[in-house]
């Protein structure tokens, strides 16, 4: 087994958390995978993985080596694509991350259409409500919502979202429409701890940031559960506009206190710079940017 193949095997074992899972993903036998990693550890003179009967985890050296391996494999892939030429069809595995609900509502349908268009591309997604390091996680593209920190990533702005307070028309008919954020004290409030845990909800008044202290009757850990309960007429909550876009569109909920909304947050598609952007990354970024910019729910 050559060096690059052994690096690929090690990366797959680290990503899948086991030799058997990596073997299935690579269409290899588990003993062959085990031998490849053992030979790699022997060649570099350090232990990369700690094996137990239940799991496989990285050593400290293994964590550092994994990042280096991913960078090497990306460089190799870019070099091969450069040799083939810029007009080659996109191919290879595309690795995409996005917030959970944004990934389900917006990225997933785009991804399905993209894979239909480019049959030589496969994809792996990581939909999580946290900012992930593209290099450390071995990812190509990320959707980021909010202000971007300074970094070497290339970012393309595709739209905006807003923090909105919302309720079902039936709830507002029964309990009245709040006219000012202070009025929320007399309403049943639901807080999503998936996006915020602060006891205060920010708002803007006279072009200045303000906040109101809330005492939610219910705290929930998923945004889907929050929006579903609100749509059923139970109370008022606060989420990002894209997270309730389907229910806004069908009229199951409506926004309240819109004049007190904070400024919109930008949405960016970001990817690593590199010496050249791989064909598959460039094609997917272009495709996703065009589709997201045309979506009225985020523009």
Protein backbone atom coordinates (compact mmCIF):
# COMPACT_ATOMS: atom_id res chain seq x y z
CA UNK A 1 0.00 0.00 0.00
CA UNK A 2 1.45 3.39 -1.00
CA UNK A 3 1.79 6.31 1.39
CA UNK A 4 -1.14 8.29 0.08
CA UNK A 5 -3.45 5.31 0.32
CA UNK A 6 -2.36 4.67 3.90
CA UNK A 7 -3.13 8.32 4.73
CA UNK A 8 -6.58 7.90 3.21
CA UNK A 9 -7.18 4.80 5.32
CA UNK A 10 -6.08 6.57 8.51
CA UNK A 11 -8.32 9.57 7.80
CA UNK A 12 -11.31 7.32 7.14
CA UNK A 13 -10.74 5.37 10.39
CA UNK A 14 -10.56 8.67 12.31
CA UNK A 15 -13.70 10.02 10.63
CA UNK A 16 -15.76 6.84 11.02
CA UNK A 17 -14.52 6.10 14.53
CA UNK A 18 -13.60 2.49 13.84
CA UNK A 19 -11.78 0.04 11.60
CA UNK A 20 -14.85 -1.91 10.50
CA UNK A 21 -16.76 1.24 9.50
CA UNK A 22 -13.73 2.55 7.62
CA UNK A 23 -13.32 -0.79 5.87
CA UNK A 24 -16.93 -0.69 4.64
CA UNK A 25 -16.51 2.87 3.40
CA UNK A 26 -13.29 2.00 1.56
CA UNK A 27 -14.47 -1.40 0.27
CA UNK A 28 -11.56 -3.07 2.06
CA UNK A 29 -11.36 -5.88 4.58
CA UNK A 30 -11.06 -4.87 8.27
CA UNK A 31 -7.72 -6.72 8.62
CA UNK A 32 -6.32 -4.78 5.65
CA UNK A 33 -7.37 -1.50 7.25
CA UNK A 34 -5.84 -2.50 10.57
CA UNK A 35 -2.56 -3.49 8.88
CA UNK A 36 -2.44 -0.22 6.95
CA UNK A 37 -2.79 1.90 10.10
CA UNK A 38 -0.30 -0.24 12.01
CA UNK A 39 2.23 0.08 9.20
CA UNK A 40 1.69 3.84 9.12
CA UNK A 41 2.27 4.12 12.87
CA UNK A 42 5.41 1.99 12.58
CA UNK A 43 6.76 4.09 9.70
CA UNK A 44 6.31 7.45 11.45
CA UNK A 45 7.29 6.07 14.86
CA UNK A 46 4.34 7.17 16.96
CA UNK A 47 0.93 5.92 18.03
CA UNK A 48 -1.95 7.62 16.25
CA UNK A 49 -4.96 5.75 17.60
CA UNK A 50 -5.99 4.30 20.93
CA UNK A 51 -7.96 1.08 20.43
CA UNK A 52 -10.41 -0.29 22.95
CA UNK A 53 -13.01 -3.02 22.65
CA UNK A 54 -15.71 -0.39 22.15
CA UNK A 55 -14.10 2.52 20.33
CA UNK A 56 -11.15 3.99 18.51
CA UNK A 57 -9.96 7.49 19.37
CA UNK A 58 -7.09 9.70 18.33
CA UNK A 59 -4.00 10.32 20.40
CA UNK A 60 -2.70 13.88 20.69
CA UNK A 61 -0.20 13.08 17.93
CA UNK A 62 -3.03 11.54 15.94
CA UNK A 63 -5.10 14.74 16.16
CA UNK A 64 -2.24 16.80 14.72
CA UNK A 65 -1.44 14.18 12.10
CA UNK A 66 -5.09 14.01 11.00
CA UNK A 67 -5.09 17.73 10.17
CA UNK A 68 -1.85 17.34 8.21
CA UNK A 69 -3.22 14.31 6.34
CA UNK A 70 -6.36 16.15 5.33
CA UNK A 71 -4.33 19.06 4.01
CA UNK A 72 -2.03 16.72 2.06
CA UNK A 73 -4.94 14.84 0.51
CA UNK A 74 -6.67 18.09 -0.48
CA UNK A 75 -3.43 19.32 -2.07
CA UNK A 76 -3.12 16.05 -3.97
CA UNK A 77 -6.68 16.28 -5.21
CA UNK A 78 -6.12 19.87 -6.34
CA UNK A 79 -2.92 18.89 -8.14
CA UNK A 80 -4.70 16.08 -9.98
CA UNK A 81 -7.50 18.41 -11.02
CA UNK A 82 -5.00 21.00 -12.22
CA UNK A 83 -3.29 18.34 -14.33
CA UNK A 84 -6.58 17.24 -15.87
CA UNK A 85 -7.52 20.81 -16.64
CA UNK A 86 -10.08 23.38 -15.51
CA UNK A 87 -12.70 22.12 -17.96
CA UNK A 88 -12.88 18.66 -16.43
CA UNK A 89 -16.23 17.60 -15.02
CA UNK A 90 -16.59 17.96 -11.24
CA UNK A 91 -15.79 14.72 -9.46
CA UNK A 92 -14.93 13.41 -6.02
CA UNK A 93 -16.43 13.82 -2.55
CA UNK A 94 -17.88 17.20 -1.59
CA UNK A 95 -18.01 17.99 2.14
CA UNK A 96 -20.52 20.63 3.23
CA UNK A 97 -21.52 22.04 6.61
CA UNK A 98 -24.43 24.30 7.58
CA UNK A 99 -26.69 25.02 10.57
CA UNK A 100 -29.11 22.13 11.11
CA UNK A 101 -32.37 23.72 10.01
CA UNK A 102 -30.79 25.83 7.26
CA UNK A 103 -29.18 22.67 5.95
CA UNK A 104 -32.49 20.82 5.86
CA UNK A 105 -34.57 23.65 4.39
CA UNK A 106 -32.14 25.22 1.93
CA UNK A 107 -28.95 23.23 1.35
CA UNK A 108 -30.47 19.75 1.01
CA UNK A 109 -32.68 20.44 -2.05
CA UNK A 110 -29.85 22.35 -3.75
CA UNK A 111 -27.48 19.50 -3.03
CA UNK A 112 -29.84 16.92 -4.49
CA UNK A 113 -30.19 18.89 -7.73
CA UNK A 114 -26.42 19.42 -7.91
CA UNK A 115 -25.70 15.70 -7.55
CA UNK A 116 -28.25 14.97 -10.29
CA UNK A 117 -26.40 17.38 -12.55
CA UNK A 118 -22.91 16.01 -11.74
CA UNK A 119 -23.06 12.21 -11.38
CA UNK A 120 -19.31 11.90 -10.63
CA UNK A 121 -19.69 13.88 -7.39
CA UNK A 122 -20.58 12.37 -4.02
CA UNK A 123 -21.30 14.35 -0.86
CA UNK A 124 -20.98 14.22 2.90
CA UNK A 125 -22.81 16.78 5.05
CA UNK A 126 -22.30 17.99 8.60
CA UNK A 127 -25.37 19.93 9.72
CA UNK A 128 -24.67 21.28 13.22
CA UNK A 129 -25.57 24.45 15.11
CA UNK A 130 -21.97 25.43 15.80
CA UNK A 131 -19.15 27.04 13.83
CA UNK A 132 -16.82 24.31 12.60
CA UNK A 133 -13.22 24.61 11.45
CA UNK A 134 -13.15 23.56 7.81
CA UNK A 135 -9.59 22.26 7.88
CA UNK A 136 -9.90 20.39 11.18
CA UNK A 137 -13.17 18.75 10.13
CA UNK A 138 -12.00 18.02 6.58
CA UNK A 139 -14.77 20.12 4.99
CA UNK A 140 -14.90 22.04 1.72
CA UNK A 141 -17.77 24.50 2.07
CA UNK A 142 -19.72 26.08 4.93
CA UNK A 143 -22.81 28.23 5.29
CA UNK A 144 -22.20 30.90 7.93
CA UNK A 145 -24.89 33.15 9.39
CA UNK A 146 -23.79 36.34 11.12
CA UNK A 147 -20.72 38.52 11.08
CA UNK A 148 -17.62 36.70 9.85
CA UNK A 149 -14.35 36.83 11.80
CA UNK A 150 -11.20 37.72 9.90
CA UNK A 151 -9.80 34.57 8.31
CA UNK A 152 -8.22 33.17 5.16
CA UNK A 153 -11.59 31.82 3.99
CA UNK A 154 -13.20 33.10 0.82
CA UNK A 155 -16.75 34.32 1.54
CA UNK A 156 -19.60 35.06 -0.87
CA UNK A 157 -22.64 36.86 0.52
CA UNK A 158 -25.92 35.28 -0.59
CA UNK A 159 -28.61 36.87 1.56
CA UNK A 160 -29.72 37.95 5.02
CA UNK A 161 -31.89 36.69 7.85
CA UNK A 162 -33.59 38.50 10.72
CA UNK A 163 -34.31 37.77 14.34
CA UNK A 164 -38.10 37.77 14.49
CA UNK A 165 -40.73 37.35 17.19
CA UNK A 166 -43.72 35.37 15.98
CA UNK A 167 -47.00 33.81 17.01
CA UNK A 168 -50.01 32.07 15.49
CA UNK A 169 -52.95 34.24 14.41
CA UNK A 170 -55.21 32.23 16.73
CA UNK A 171 -53.00 33.00 19.73
CA UNK A 172 -52.93 36.72 18.93
CA UNK A 173 -56.70 36.77 18.50
CA UNK A 174 -57.14 35.29 21.95
CA UNK A 175 -54.36 37.07 23.86
CA UNK A 176 -53.86 40.29 21.88
CA UNK A 177 -50.97 41.61 19.82
CA UNK A 178 -48.03 43.04 21.85
CA UNK A 179 -47.32 46.65 20.88
CA UNK A 180 -43.93 46.96 22.59
CA UNK A 181 -41.35 44.38 23.77
CA UNK A 182 -42.27 45.24 27.37
CA UNK A 183 -45.73 43.79 26.67
CA UNK A 184 -44.16 40.32 26.37
CA UNK A 185 -44.25 40.08 30.16
CA UNK A 186 -47.97 39.32 29.97
CA UNK A 187 -47.63 36.63 27.27
CA UNK A 188 -46.71 32.96 27.23
CA UNK A 189 -43.14 32.80 25.91
CA UNK A 190 -41.19 29.87 24.45
CA UNK A 191 -37.41 30.09 24.27
CA UNK A 192 -35.25 28.02 21.94
CA UNK A 193 -32.08 27.14 23.83
CA UNK A 194 -30.72 25.75 20.56
CA UNK A 195 -29.97 29.30 19.41
CA UNK A 196 -29.80 31.36 22.60
CA UNK A 197 -29.76 30.90 26.37
CA UNK A 198 -29.78 34.53 27.49
CA UNK A 199 -32.61 35.59 29.82
CA UNK A 200 -33.03 38.70 27.65
CA UNK A 201 -34.34 39.21 24.11
CA UNK A 202 -32.60 42.06 22.24
CA UNK A 203 -34.53 44.59 20.19
CA UNK A 204 -33.88 47.99 18.58
CA UNK A 205 -35.63 51.23 19.37
CA UNK A 206 -34.75 54.68 18.01
CA UNK A 207 -31.79 53.08 16.16
CA UNK A 208 -30.28 51.85 19.42
CA UNK A 209 -29.95 48.31 20.82
CA UNK A 210 -32.15 47.52 23.80
CA UNK A 211 -33.24 44.33 25.54
CA UNK A 212 -36.15 43.03 27.53
CA UNK A 213 -35.89 40.41 30.27
CA UNK A 214 -38.02 37.36 29.60
CA UNK A 215 -39.45 34.65 31.80
CA UNK A 216 -40.30 31.84 29.38
CA UNK A 217 -42.89 29.27 30.43
CA UNK A 218 -41.11 26.76 28.27
CA UNK A 219 -37.54 26.23 27.06
CA UNK A 220 -36.98 23.82 24.17
CA UNK A 221 -33.80 22.48 22.63
CA UNK A 222 -34.88 22.24 18.97
CA UNK A 223 -36.09 25.01 16.70
CA UNK A 224 -38.53 22.71 14.89
CA UNK A 225 -40.28 21.94 18.17
CA UNK A 226 -40.52 25.63 19.05
CA UNK A 227 -42.01 26.68 15.72
CA UNK A 228 -44.44 23.76 15.74
CA UNK A 229 -45.77 24.66 19.19
CA UNK A 230 -46.07 28.33 18.27
CA UNK A 231 -47.88 27.38 15.04
CA UNK A 232 -50.31 25.42 17.20
CA UNK A 233 -51.28 28.60 19.02
CA UNK A 234 -49.53 28.08 22.36
CA UNK A 235 -47.43 31.25 22.69
CA UNK A 236 -44.81 33.64 21.31
CA UNK A 237 -41.20 32.85 20.48
CA UNK A 238 -38.13 34.31 18.78
CA UNK A 239 -36.13 32.62 16.02
CA UNK A 240 -34.27 33.50 12.86
CA UNK A 241 -36.59 34.29 9.96
CA UNK A 242 -35.44 31.35 7.81
CA UNK A 243 -36.27 28.94 10.64
CA UNK A 244 -39.96 29.79 10.38
CA UNK A 245 -40.08 30.60 6.64
CA UNK A 246 -42.35 27.65 5.68
CA UNK A 247 -44.87 28.50 8.42
CA UNK A 248 -44.79 32.19 7.53
CA UNK A 249 -45.41 31.29 3.89
CA UNK A 250 -48.47 29.16 4.65
CA UNK A 251 -49.86 31.65 7.20
CA UNK A 252 -49.62 29.38 10.24
CA UNK A 253 -47.60 32.06 12.04
CA UNK A 254 -47.03 35.79 11.68
CA UNK A 255 -44.36 38.12 12.97
CA UNK A 256 -44.99 40.57 15.81
CA UNK A 257 -43.07 43.67 16.93
CA UNK A 258 -41.43 43.89 13.49
CA UNK A 259 -40.57 47.56 13.99
CA UNK A 260 -38.29 46.55 16.88
CA UNK A 261 -36.25 43.94 14.99
CA UNK A 262 -32.43 44.17 15.21
CA UNK A 263 -30.50 44.73 11.95
CA UNK A 264 -30.42 41.73 9.58
CA UNK A 265 -27.62 39.17 9.75
CA UNK A 266 -25.66 38.28 6.59
CA UNK A 267 -25.48 34.76 5.14
CA UNK A 268 -22.22 33.72 3.46
CA UNK A 269 -21.02 30.70 1.55
CA UNK A 270 -17.39 30.20 2.59
CA UNK A 271 -14.62 27.88 1.49
CA UNK A 272 -10.89 27.54 1.88
CA UNK A 273 -8.67 29.55 -0.40
CA UNK A 274 -5.94 27.11 -1.45
CA UNK A 275 -3.74 27.43 -4.47
CA UNK A 276 -6.70 26.69 -6.66
CA UNK A 277 -10.32 25.98 -5.96
CA UNK A 278 -11.14 22.42 -6.97
CA UNK A 279 -13.59 21.96 -9.82
CA UNK A 280 -16.24 20.38 -7.62
CA UNK A 281 -16.02 23.15 -5.01
CA UNK A 282 -16.08 25.92 -7.60
CA UNK A 283 -19.07 24.33 -9.37
CA UNK A 284 -21.05 23.82 -6.15
CA UNK A 285 -20.30 27.29 -4.79
CA UNK A 286 -21.45 28.88 -8.06
CA UNK A 287 -24.58 26.71 -8.13
CA UNK A 288 -25.50 27.30 -4.50
CA UNK A 289 -24.85 31.06 -4.64
CA UNK A 290 -27.17 31.39 -7.65
CA UNK A 291 -29.92 29.35 -5.99
CA UNK A 292 -29.70 31.01 -2.56
CA UNK A 293 -29.65 34.54 -4.01
CA UNK A 294 -32.88 33.71 -5.85
CA UNK A 295 -34.67 32.46 -2.73
CA UNK A 296 -37.10 35.11 -1.41
CA UNK A 297 -37.04 33.58 2.08
CA UNK A 298 -33.51 34.92 2.68
CA UNK A 299 -33.49 37.98 0.40
